[in-house]
Protein backbone atom coordinates (compact mmCIF):
# COMPACT_ATOMS: atom_id res chain seq x y z
CA SER A 1 110.06 93.57 98.54
CA PHE A 2 107.19 91.58 97.07
CA THR A 3 106.29 94.60 94.92
CA LEU A 4 109.66 94.65 93.18
CA HIS A 5 108.58 92.44 90.28
CA TYR A 6 105.71 94.85 89.48
CA ARG A 7 108.14 97.72 88.79
CA PRO A 8 108.09 99.24 85.28
CA GLU A 9 111.87 98.84 85.12
CA ILE A 10 111.44 95.07 85.42
CA ARG A 11 108.82 95.10 82.67
CA ALA A 12 111.14 97.10 80.40
CA ALA A 13 114.01 94.70 81.07
CA LEU A 14 111.85 91.68 80.26
CA ASP A 15 110.61 93.30 77.06
CA ALA A 16 114.25 93.81 76.06
CA GLY A 17 114.93 90.08 76.49
CA ALA A 18 116.44 90.05 79.96
CA ARG A 19 115.78 87.16 82.31
CA VAL A 20 114.76 87.90 85.91
CA LEU A 21 114.82 85.43 88.78
CA ALA A 22 113.30 86.93 91.93
CA ALA A 23 114.59 85.57 95.26
CA MET A 24 112.28 87.05 97.89
CA GLN A 25 111.93 84.21 100.38
CA PRO A 26 113.98 83.63 103.56
CA ALA A 27 117.30 81.90 102.93
CA PRO A 28 116.25 78.59 104.58
CA VAL A 29 113.23 78.40 102.23
CA LEU A 30 115.42 79.08 99.19
CA ARG A 31 117.59 76.14 100.26
CA ARG A 32 114.59 73.85 100.85
CA LEU A 33 112.92 74.56 97.50
CA PRO A 34 115.65 74.96 94.85
CA PHE A 35 115.01 74.43 91.14
CA ASP A 36 113.93 70.86 90.41
CA PRO A 37 113.60 69.46 86.85
CA GLU A 38 110.56 67.40 87.88
CA VAL A 39 108.74 70.53 89.08
CA ARG A 40 109.58 72.21 85.78
CA ARG A 41 108.17 69.24 83.86
CA ARG A 42 104.94 69.25 85.88
CA VAL A 43 104.44 73.02 85.63
CA ALA A 44 105.15 73.11 81.90
CA ALA A 45 102.57 70.36 81.34
CA GLY A 46 100.01 72.25 83.43
CA ALA A 47 100.61 75.49 81.54
CA ALA A 48 100.26 73.68 78.21
CA LEU A 49 96.79 72.49 79.30
CA LEU A 50 95.71 75.88 80.65
CA ASP A 51 97.07 78.14 77.92
CA PRO A 52 94.47 77.46 75.17
CA ALA A 53 91.53 77.47 77.59
CA ARG A 54 88.97 80.23 77.25
CA GLU A 55 86.99 79.46 80.39
CA ILE A 56 88.10 78.24 83.80
CA ARG A 57 85.77 76.61 86.32
CA ILE A 58 86.92 75.80 89.85
CA THR A 59 84.84 73.70 92.25
CA SER A 60 85.50 72.09 95.62
CA PRO A 61 83.69 69.73 98.02
CA ALA A 62 83.43 72.65 100.46
CA GLY A 63 81.16 74.52 98.06
CA THR A 64 83.43 76.61 95.83
CA ASP A 65 81.97 77.08 92.35
CA LEU A 66 83.70 79.77 90.29
CA VAL A 67 83.67 80.49 86.55
CA MET A 68 85.90 82.99 84.77
CA ASP A 69 86.81 83.97 81.20
CA LYS A 70 90.49 83.95 80.24
CA THR A 71 90.13 84.30 76.47
CA GLY A 72 93.43 85.53 75.08
CA ARG A 73 95.27 85.48 78.39
CA ARG A 74 98.47 83.43 78.61
CA ALA A 75 99.11 80.67 81.10
CA LEU A 76 102.33 81.38 83.01
CA ALA A 77 104.65 78.58 84.13
CA HIS A 78 106.72 79.39 87.23
CA TYR A 79 109.25 76.75 88.27
CA GLY A 80 112.16 78.59 89.86
CA ALA A 81 114.44 79.17 86.88
CA ALA A 82 114.49 82.07 84.42
CA ASP A 83 115.86 80.01 81.55
CA ARG A 84 114.33 81.83 78.57
CA PRO A 85 114.80 85.41 77.29
CA GLY A 86 112.08 87.72 78.61
CA GLN A 87 111.10 85.36 81.44
CA LEU A 88 110.29 86.40 84.99
CA ASP A 89 110.40 83.58 87.51
CA PHE A 90 110.61 83.13 91.26
CA TRP A 91 113.08 80.99 93.19
CA THR A 92 110.86 78.53 95.18
CA ALA A 93 107.92 78.85 92.76
CA GLY A 94 106.22 75.75 91.43
CA MET A 95 102.88 76.85 89.99
CA VAL A 96 100.78 77.65 86.94
CA GLN A 97 99.08 81.07 86.80
CA ALA A 98 96.62 82.90 84.58
CA ALA A 99 94.78 86.21 84.83
CA GLN A 100 91.12 86.06 83.90
CA LEU A 101 89.52 88.91 81.99
CA GLU A 102 88.67 91.61 84.48
CA GLY A 103 85.05 91.64 85.55
CA THR A 104 84.28 88.07 84.47
CA LEU A 105 84.72 86.03 87.65
CA GLU A 106 81.34 84.83 88.93
CA GLY A 107 80.32 82.50 91.72
CA ARG A 108 81.30 81.46 95.23
CA LEU A 109 84.67 80.81 96.85
CA VAL A 110 84.53 78.80 100.08
CA LEU A 111 87.66 78.84 102.23
CA ASP A 112 87.34 75.77 104.41
CA THR A 113 88.91 75.08 107.80
CA GLY A 114 92.64 74.55 107.25
CA ASP A 115 92.74 76.62 104.07
CA CYS A 116 94.90 79.72 103.99
CA CYS A 117 94.57 83.47 103.56
CA PHE A 118 98.03 84.17 102.19
CA ARG A 119 98.03 87.96 102.61
CA LEU A 120 97.13 87.71 106.29
CA GLY A 121 99.39 84.74 107.00
CA ARG A 122 96.41 82.95 108.53
CA VAL A 123 95.06 79.43 108.40
CA ILE A 124 91.27 79.57 108.25
CA ALA A 125 89.63 78.54 111.56
CA GLN A 126 86.04 78.33 110.28
CA PRO A 127 84.63 78.45 106.74
CA VAL A 128 84.53 81.76 104.88
CA THR A 129 82.26 82.30 101.86
CA ILE A 130 83.18 84.99 99.34
CA VAL A 131 80.63 85.72 96.61
CA PHE A 132 81.82 87.27 93.33
CA ALA A 133 79.69 89.13 90.81
CA ARG A 134 81.14 90.77 87.69
CA GLY A 135 84.61 90.08 88.99
CA ARG A 136 84.12 91.76 92.35
CA ALA A 137 83.87 90.28 95.86
CA VAL A 138 80.43 91.51 96.88
CA SER A 139 79.99 89.43 100.06
CA ILE A 140 82.46 88.02 102.60
CA GLU A 141 80.87 86.01 105.39
CA GLY A 142 82.06 83.57 108.04
CA GLY A 143 83.19 84.88 111.40
CA ASP A 144 86.53 86.35 112.47
CA ASP A 145 88.45 85.25 109.40
CA ALA A 146 85.86 86.84 107.11
CA SER A 147 86.09 90.09 109.06
CA HIS A 148 89.89 90.11 108.83
CA ILE A 149 89.78 89.51 105.06
CA HIS A 150 87.20 92.25 104.52
CA ASP A 151 89.12 94.73 106.68
CA ALA A 152 92.40 94.01 104.86
CA LEU A 153 90.77 94.66 101.48
CA ALA A 154 89.06 97.82 102.73
CA ALA A 155 92.15 99.23 104.44
CA GLY A 156 93.51 100.90 101.32
CA GLY A 157 90.32 102.82 100.66
CA ASP A 158 90.21 101.62 97.05
CA GLU A 159 87.21 99.68 95.74
CA ALA A 160 89.50 98.03 93.18
CA ALA A 161 90.95 96.00 96.04
CA PHE A 162 87.77 93.89 95.96
CA MET A 163 88.25 92.93 92.29
CA ALA A 164 89.44 89.42 91.47
CA GLY A 165 92.99 89.10 90.23
CA HIS A 166 94.72 85.99 88.92
CA MET A 167 94.25 82.32 89.69
CA ALA A 168 96.92 79.67 90.10
CA TRP A 169 97.57 76.14 91.24
CA GLY A 170 100.63 74.67 92.93
CA MET A 171 102.57 71.70 91.54
CA ASP A 172 105.63 71.21 93.77
CA HIS A 173 105.58 67.74 95.33
CA ARG A 174 108.20 68.88 97.91
CA ALA A 175 106.16 71.73 99.36
CA GLU A 176 104.51 71.40 102.78
CA TRP A 177 101.24 72.70 104.27
CA GLY A 178 100.45 73.99 107.75
CA PRO A 179 100.26 77.06 110.01
CA HIS A 180 103.99 76.94 110.75
CA LEU A 181 104.79 77.81 107.15
CA PHE A 182 104.45 81.55 107.73
CA SER A 183 106.30 81.91 110.99
CA SER A 184 109.01 79.32 111.54
CA PRO A 185 112.60 80.29 110.61
CA ASP A 186 112.94 77.30 108.29
CA HIS A 187 109.63 77.77 106.44
CA GLY A 188 108.52 81.41 106.77
CA GLY A 189 107.57 83.52 103.79
CA GLY A 190 104.74 81.40 102.42
CA ALA A 191 106.48 79.80 99.44
CA HIS A 192 105.42 76.30 100.53
CA ILE A 193 101.77 77.39 100.66
CA GLU A 194 101.80 78.84 97.15
CA ALA A 195 103.64 75.92 95.57
CA PHE A 196 101.91 73.10 97.49
CA ASP A 197 100.90 70.35 95.06
CA GLY A 198 97.15 70.61 94.42
CA ASN A 199 96.72 73.99 96.09
CA VAL A 200 94.40 76.33 94.14
CA GLN A 201 94.75 80.08 94.61
CA ILE A 202 92.25 82.86 93.94
CA GLU A 203 93.85 86.29 94.21
CA ILE A 204 91.82 89.37 95.09
CA GLY A 205 93.18 92.83 94.35
CA SER A 206 96.09 93.54 92.00
CA ASN A 207 95.99 91.81 88.62
CA ASP A 208 99.50 92.85 87.59
């Protein structure tokens, strides 16, 4: 289950110095994206740049312009090996993550055609614009994909689902991109999408 790593038992084990490597992708994906020293080198370098930052700004040619405060929040390096005491990592991961301070994300996220909504397993068919104010998604516009995203967030009946969570970027040069990456037996599970080199993620909902 993708919720396993949020369990308090995992947190307690990590605090006690255990190392946890989560393997939650289909077996063919685990074989395609094993630990790679080059991915570790890239991710460690990215985390070293991100860790001391107090503000993050993300822009894109499609119109994304987001600013968030991460003062005091660590940058997390995930590269598919739990090789230090107290480390949680994910087999197939190749990304840098950080959680901004809750309520600080401001601006506009534009999902362009060919981008991905990971939770829905969908590749965006037409642009979706999500406006954030005080860390909350206050507007989601752009056709069918926008409606699906809004409905998924609203389904739980909890307004906290509309709050921004963490951000991340992928750094695995081996990862692929495309609509087949959620459904095909050799690629399903979405690991390629998350780790794709240059991919930038904005998570909405849980900030665990």
